[in-house]
Amino acid sequence: MEKIAILIKTFEREEYLYNCINSIKKYLNSVKYKIYICDDGPKSNQKKSFYDKLKNEGHFILELPYNVGANPGRLAILPYISENIILRMDDDFYFCEDTRIDKMLMLLTKDETAGAVVGLEKQLSNNKGVKTGELRIKDSHGKLKKIGSVLIKCFMDYKKESYNTIDNIKYCTIDYGRNFILMKKSLLEYIVWDYCLKFAGEHLDFMLQLKKCKKYKLLFTPESIHLHAGPQKKELSESYINIRYGDNLKKNEKNSNIIFIQKWGIAKIISFHIEDNIFIKLKKITIALIKVL
């Protein structure tokens, strides 16, 4: 089976990064891999030793200027990646015994039209309305629809999906998934990580580009589950909080949001779930359209 590159952008979440890497080593046994880390945070002595060990094992570390941002970091490390398949993940995603990269890889390589594959996500802490230990069902994957300047996210329940199969692996086509993405490197010839989107909008921008891509599509499979730590503020350093939650973030997010909005012509984003009543959906859409007209 083909060797994959695991691309991790990390910033100041040192303990989460260690847990992430250790989970990969523990659970990813079915696929050969090389880890690529782009780090724009401070380097403690512990982290330097950790990186030295990874380098000795054949992995690659790219140390970047402080706080360059998510997409600039990924763009910086991309030229160093030689593998044809990339797993793009964050430093607070963990592998577990239910993480089946082999199944995701099978779908990706056997379907020529598949550019990327995503799976299910289990939350390890209360985060964005999802309780500890729960699967992210209601905001994990779904369809995107743009009406005028209103972008609609319709999230679907994986239990109610109609699936196709490849080698008995269930999958369906979607427009939107989580940030744990197995993709063909060739997809990045059609989709570009926007350097200007340092924080806000970078993930949705990627998904909208993929939706527009005529060569490739996004697949979802319920047969692989990864973990999302979703750290609480109390677990993070003061400098991280100031940058990601303080005035500096507000400024950066505002700038990113302006760039994202202008790029896609989106004035309002609304979300609903597959089980929502049709009248609720129409009401949400109507209100959003009235507000932006």
Protein backbone atom coordinates (compact mmCIF):
# COMPACT_ATOMS: atom_id res chain seq x y z
CA MET A 1 0.00 0.00 0.00
CA GLU A 2 1.22 3.50 -0.90
CA LYS A 3 3.26 5.51 1.60
CA ILE A 4 1.57 8.69 2.82
CA ALA A 5 2.77 12.07 4.08
CA ILE A 6 1.21 13.29 7.33
CA LEU A 7 1.19 17.09 7.32
CA ILE A 8 0.71 18.74 10.71
CA LYS A 9 0.63 22.50 11.23
CA THR A 10 1.31 23.25 14.90
CA PHE A 11 1.45 26.37 17.04
CA GLU A 12 2.12 26.52 20.81
CA ARG A 13 0.07 23.43 21.73
CA GLU A 14 3.11 21.41 22.71
CA GLU A 15 1.48 18.67 24.81
CA TYR A 16 -1.23 18.16 22.20
CA LEU A 17 1.40 17.76 19.49
CA TYR A 18 3.21 15.10 21.54
CA ASN A 19 -0.05 13.23 22.08
CA CYS A 20 -0.85 13.52 18.39
CA ILE A 21 2.48 12.07 17.25
CA ASN A 22 2.40 9.33 19.87
CA SER A 23 -1.10 8.31 18.74
CA ILE A 24 0.12 8.04 15.14
CA LYS A 25 3.00 5.80 16.17
CA LYS A 26 0.70 3.65 18.30
CA TYR A 27 -2.21 3.14 15.94
CA LEU A 28 -1.04 3.68 12.36
CA ASN A 29 0.34 0.24 11.59
CA SER A 30 -1.39 -0.62 8.31
CA VAL A 31 0.16 2.18 6.21
CA LYS A 32 3.73 3.41 5.79
CA TYR A 33 4.09 7.11 6.50
CA LYS A 34 6.41 10.07 6.92
CA ILE A 35 5.50 12.93 9.26
CA TYR A 36 5.95 16.55 8.12
CA ILE A 37 5.56 19.18 10.85
CA CYS A 38 5.47 22.93 10.17
CA ASP A 39 5.89 24.80 13.45
CA ASP A 40 5.59 28.58 13.87
CA GLY A 41 5.60 28.51 17.66
CA PRO A 42 8.38 28.74 20.29
CA LYS A 43 10.74 25.78 20.66
CA SER A 44 11.29 24.55 24.22
CA ASN A 45 14.20 22.26 25.04
CA GLN A 46 11.73 19.40 25.36
CA LYS A 47 10.31 20.12 21.90
CA LYS A 48 13.79 20.38 20.37
CA SER A 49 14.68 16.95 21.77
CA PHE A 50 11.36 15.59 20.53
CA TYR A 51 12.03 16.97 17.04
CA ASP A 52 15.59 15.62 16.99
CA LYS A 53 14.22 12.15 17.69
CA LEU A 54 11.64 12.47 14.90
CA LYS A 55 14.33 13.62 12.46
CA ASN A 56 16.48 10.62 13.37
CA GLU A 57 13.47 8.42 12.57
CA GLY A 58 13.28 9.92 9.08
CA HIS A 59 10.55 12.50 9.58
CA PHE A 60 10.74 16.17 8.55
CA ILE A 61 10.44 19.32 10.67
CA LEU A 62 10.15 22.85 9.24
CA GLU A 63 10.67 25.62 11.79
CA LEU A 64 8.97 28.84 10.70
CA PRO A 65 8.96 32.47 11.89
CA TYR A 66 6.70 33.05 14.85
CA ASN A 67 2.94 33.05 14.14
CA VAL A 68 3.01 32.98 10.32
CA GLY A 69 -0.43 31.35 10.32
CA ALA A 70 -2.10 28.15 9.16
CA ASN A 71 -2.11 28.39 5.37
CA PRO A 72 1.30 30.11 5.06
CA GLY A 73 2.74 27.27 7.13
CA ARG A 74 1.21 24.56 4.93
CA LEU A 75 2.38 26.31 1.77
CA ALA A 76 5.92 26.56 3.16
CA ILE A 77 6.25 22.83 3.81
CA LEU A 78 4.48 21.58 0.69
CA PRO A 79 7.57 21.69 -1.61
CA TYR A 80 9.36 19.27 0.74
CA ILE A 81 6.66 16.57 0.45
CA SER A 82 7.49 13.86 -2.10
CA GLU A 83 4.65 11.42 -1.36
CA ASN A 84 1.58 11.32 -3.64
CA ILE A 85 -0.92 11.08 -0.76
CA ILE A 86 -1.16 13.62 2.08
CA LEU A 87 -3.02 13.37 5.37
CA ARG A 88 -3.67 16.98 6.41
CA MET A 89 -4.44 17.23 10.12
CA ASP A 90 -4.07 19.57 13.10
CA ASP A 91 -1.99 19.05 16.24
CA ASP A 92 -5.08 18.35 18.37
CA PHE A 93 -6.29 15.43 16.23
CA TYR A 94 -5.43 11.97 17.53
CA PHE A 95 -5.49 8.48 16.07
CA CYS A 96 -7.30 5.65 17.85
CA GLU A 97 -8.03 1.98 17.18
CA ASP A 98 -10.97 3.03 14.97
CA THR A 99 -8.87 5.29 12.73
CA ARG A 100 -8.73 3.37 9.46
CA ILE A 101 -6.41 5.23 7.13
CA ASP A 102 -6.09 2.03 5.10
CA LYS A 103 -9.81 2.17 4.25
CA MET A 104 -9.67 5.88 3.44
CA LEU A 105 -6.63 5.22 1.25
CA MET A 106 -8.41 2.39 -0.53
CA LEU A 107 -11.28 4.70 -1.48
CA LEU A 108 -8.90 7.43 -2.59
CA THR A 109 -6.78 5.22 -4.82
CA LYS A 110 -9.56 3.09 -6.34
CA ASP A 111 -11.83 6.02 -7.30
CA GLU A 112 -10.10 8.17 -9.90
CA THR A 113 -12.55 11.03 -9.29
CA ALA A 114 -11.87 11.11 -5.54
CA GLY A 115 -9.56 13.96 -4.59
CA ALA A 116 -9.97 13.70 -0.82
CA VAL A 117 -11.60 11.51 1.84
CA VAL A 118 -12.84 12.41 5.32
CA GLY A 119 -14.28 10.28 8.14
CA LEU A 120 -16.07 10.61 11.45
CA GLU A 121 -14.76 12.66 14.36
CA LYS A 122 -15.14 11.91 18.08
CA GLN A 123 -14.86 14.78 20.53
CA LEU A 124 -12.55 14.37 23.56
CA SER A 125 -13.83 17.47 25.37
CA ASN A 126 -16.94 19.65 25.35
CA ASN A 127 -16.56 21.75 22.22
CA LYS A 128 -18.98 23.65 19.96
CA GLY A 129 -22.06 21.91 21.28
CA VAL A 130 -20.57 18.40 21.18
CA LYS A 131 -20.09 16.62 24.51
CA THR A 132 -17.05 14.63 25.54
CA GLY A 133 -17.03 11.19 23.92
CA GLU A 134 -19.67 12.02 21.34
CA LEU A 135 -19.32 11.75 17.58
CA ARG A 136 -19.60 15.04 15.73
CA ILE A 137 -22.69 14.25 13.69
CA LYS A 138 -24.65 17.47 13.31
CA ASP A 139 -21.80 19.73 12.16
CA SER A 140 -19.33 17.26 10.70
CA HIS A 141 -20.14 16.69 7.05
CA GLY A 142 -22.74 17.74 4.52
CA LYS A 143 -23.58 19.81 1.45
CA LEU A 144 -22.89 23.43 0.52
CA LYS A 145 -25.26 25.62 -1.47
CA LYS A 146 -24.87 29.28 -2.38
CA ILE A 147 -27.96 31.41 -3.04
CA GLY A 148 -26.94 34.92 -3.97
CA SER A 149 -24.55 36.04 -1.22
CA VAL A 150 -25.90 33.48 1.29
CA LEU A 151 -23.92 30.26 1.84
CA ILE A 152 -25.98 27.37 3.20
CA LYS A 153 -24.43 24.46 5.08
CA CYS A 154 -26.75 21.46 5.23
CA PHE A 155 -25.24 18.94 7.63
CA MET A 156 -26.26 15.28 7.32
CA ASP A 157 -26.57 12.41 9.77
CA TYR A 158 -24.18 9.65 8.73
CA LYS A 159 -26.66 7.01 9.95
CA LYS A 160 -29.22 8.17 7.39
CA GLU A 161 -26.91 8.34 4.39
CA SER A 162 -27.25 6.24 1.24
CA TYR A 163 -23.85 4.71 0.60
CA ASN A 164 -21.98 3.19 -2.29
CA THR A 165 -19.18 0.69 -1.64
CA ILE A 166 -15.68 -0.03 -2.86
CA ASP A 167 -14.24 -3.32 -1.56
CA ASN A 168 -17.11 -3.33 0.97
CA ILE A 169 -16.04 0.11 2.29
CA LYS A 170 -19.01 2.47 2.54
CA TYR A 171 -18.75 5.98 1.14
CA CYS A 172 -20.77 8.87 -0.27
CA THR A 173 -19.99 12.19 -1.95
CA ILE A 174 -20.20 15.37 0.14
CA ASP A 175 -19.16 19.04 -0.08
CA TYR A 176 -17.95 19.69 3.46
CA GLY A 177 -16.03 17.69 6.05
CA ARG A 178 -13.71 18.09 9.01
CA ASN A 179 -10.01 19.06 8.93
CA PHE A 180 -8.71 15.48 9.12
CA ILE A 181 -8.38 15.03 5.34
CA LEU A 182 -6.63 12.34 3.30
CA MET A 183 -5.98 13.79 -0.17
CA LYS A 184 -4.15 13.21 -3.40
CA LYS A 185 -1.23 15.61 -3.74
CA SER A 186 -2.39 16.23 -7.31
CA LEU A 187 -5.53 17.84 -5.85
CA LEU A 188 -3.34 20.77 -4.82
CA GLU A 189 -2.75 21.53 -8.49
CA TYR A 190 -6.40 22.64 -8.58
CA ILE A 191 -6.87 23.88 -5.02
CA VAL A 192 -4.54 26.41 -3.44
CA TRP A 193 -4.17 27.09 0.26
CA ASP A 194 -4.81 30.83 0.21
CA TYR A 195 -1.76 32.53 1.74
CA CYS A 196 -3.86 35.53 2.81
CA LEU A 197 -6.19 33.40 4.96
CA LYS A 198 -4.02 33.17 8.04
CA PHE A 199 -6.82 32.20 10.42
CA ALA A 200 -10.52 32.54 9.70
CA GLY A 201 -12.04 31.05 6.56
CA GLU A 202 -9.12 28.84 5.54
CA HIS A 203 -11.00 25.54 5.92
CA LEU A 204 -14.26 26.66 4.31
CA ASP A 205 -12.24 28.22 1.48
CA PHE A 206 -10.63 24.81 0.84
CA MET A 207 -14.02 23.07 0.77
CA LEU A 208 -15.56 25.64 -1.57
CA GLN A 209 -12.63 25.27 -3.95
CA LEU A 210 -13.04 21.49 -3.88
CA LYS A 211 -16.77 21.79 -4.58
CA LYS A 212 -15.96 23.86 -7.69
CA CYS A 213 -13.22 21.48 -8.85
CA LYS A 214 -14.29 19.61 -11.99
CA LYS A 215 -11.64 16.88 -11.77
CA TYR A 216 -11.99 15.76 -8.15
CA LYS A 217 -14.66 15.29 -5.49
CA LEU A 218 -14.77 14.84 -1.72
CA LEU A 219 -15.76 11.46 -0.25
CA PHE A 220 -16.99 10.63 3.25
CA THR A 221 -16.75 7.24 4.92
CA PRO A 222 -18.22 6.30 8.32
CA GLU A 223 -15.68 3.48 8.62
CA SER A 224 -12.87 5.59 10.04
CA ILE A 225 -13.04 7.60 13.28
CA HIS A 226 -10.39 9.99 14.56
CA LEU A 227 -10.34 11.97 17.81
CA HIS A 228 -10.45 15.74 18.32
CA ALA A 229 -9.08 17.08 21.60
CA GLY A 230 -10.47 20.60 21.21
CA PRO A 231 -8.42 22.10 24.07
CA GLN A 232 -10.04 24.38 26.62
CA LYS A 233 -8.59 27.84 27.25
CA LYS A 234 -7.38 26.86 30.72
CA GLU A 235 -5.13 24.23 29.11
CA LEU A 236 -3.38 26.71 26.84
CA SER A 237 -0.50 29.14 27.33
CA GLU A 238 -1.15 32.87 27.87
CA SER A 239 0.63 33.77 24.64
CA TYR A 240 -1.50 31.29 22.68
CA ILE A 241 -4.69 32.67 24.20
CA ASN A 242 -3.66 36.26 23.46
CA ILE A 243 -2.97 35.44 19.82
CA ARG A 244 -5.85 33.07 19.15
CA TYR A 245 -8.53 34.63 21.37
CA GLY A 246 -7.36 38.16 22.20
CA ASP A 247 -7.29 41.46 20.30
CA ASN A 248 -4.61 40.20 17.93
CA LEU A 249 -6.87 37.37 16.75
CA LYS A 250 -9.82 39.72 16.38
CA LYS A 251 -7.71 41.87 14.08
CA ASN A 252 -6.38 38.89 12.11
CA GLU A 253 -9.78 37.22 11.96
CA LYS A 254 -11.39 40.42 10.78
CA ASN A 255 -8.82 40.74 8.02
CA SER A 256 -9.20 37.06 7.04
CA ASN A 257 -12.99 37.32 7.08
CA ILE A 258 -12.89 40.37 4.81
CA ILE A 259 -10.61 38.54 2.36
CA PHE A 260 -12.79 35.40 2.48
CA ILE A 261 -16.03 37.35 2.02
CA GLN A 262 -14.67 39.36 -0.89
CA LYS A 263 -13.20 36.26 -2.52
CA TRP A 264 -16.45 34.27 -2.46
CA GLY A 265 -19.05 37.05 -2.35
CA ILE A 266 -20.55 35.68 0.87
CA ALA A 267 -22.38 38.05 3.20
CA LYS A 268 -24.10 35.45 5.39
CA ILE A 269 -23.57 31.79 6.32
CA ILE A 270 -26.45 29.72 7.72
CA SER A 271 -26.54 26.09 8.82
CA PHE A 272 -29.23 23.49 9.31
CA HIS A 273 -29.41 19.74 9.70
CA ILE A 274 -31.00 17.05 7.60
CA GLU A 275 -33.73 16.46 10.19
CA ASP A 276 -34.78 20.12 10.35
CA ASN A 277 -38.35 20.82 9.26
CA ILE A 278 -38.57 22.18 5.68
CA PHE A 279 -40.39 25.26 6.97
CA ILE A 280 -37.55 25.98 9.40
CA LYS A 281 -35.08 25.71 6.53
CA LEU A 282 -37.08 28.06 4.32
CA LYS A 283 -37.48 30.53 7.18
CA LYS A 284 -33.73 30.60 7.86
CA ILE A 285 -32.95 31.11 4.18
CA THR A 286 -35.58 33.81 3.75
CA ILE A 287 -34.39 35.76 6.82
CA ALA A 288 -30.76 35.52 5.66
CA LEU A 289 -31.63 36.74 2.16
CA ILE A 290 -33.65 39.67 3.53
CA LYS A 291 -30.74 40.72 5.75
CA VAL A 292 -28.21 40.83 2.93
CA LEU A 293 -30.42 42.49 0.33
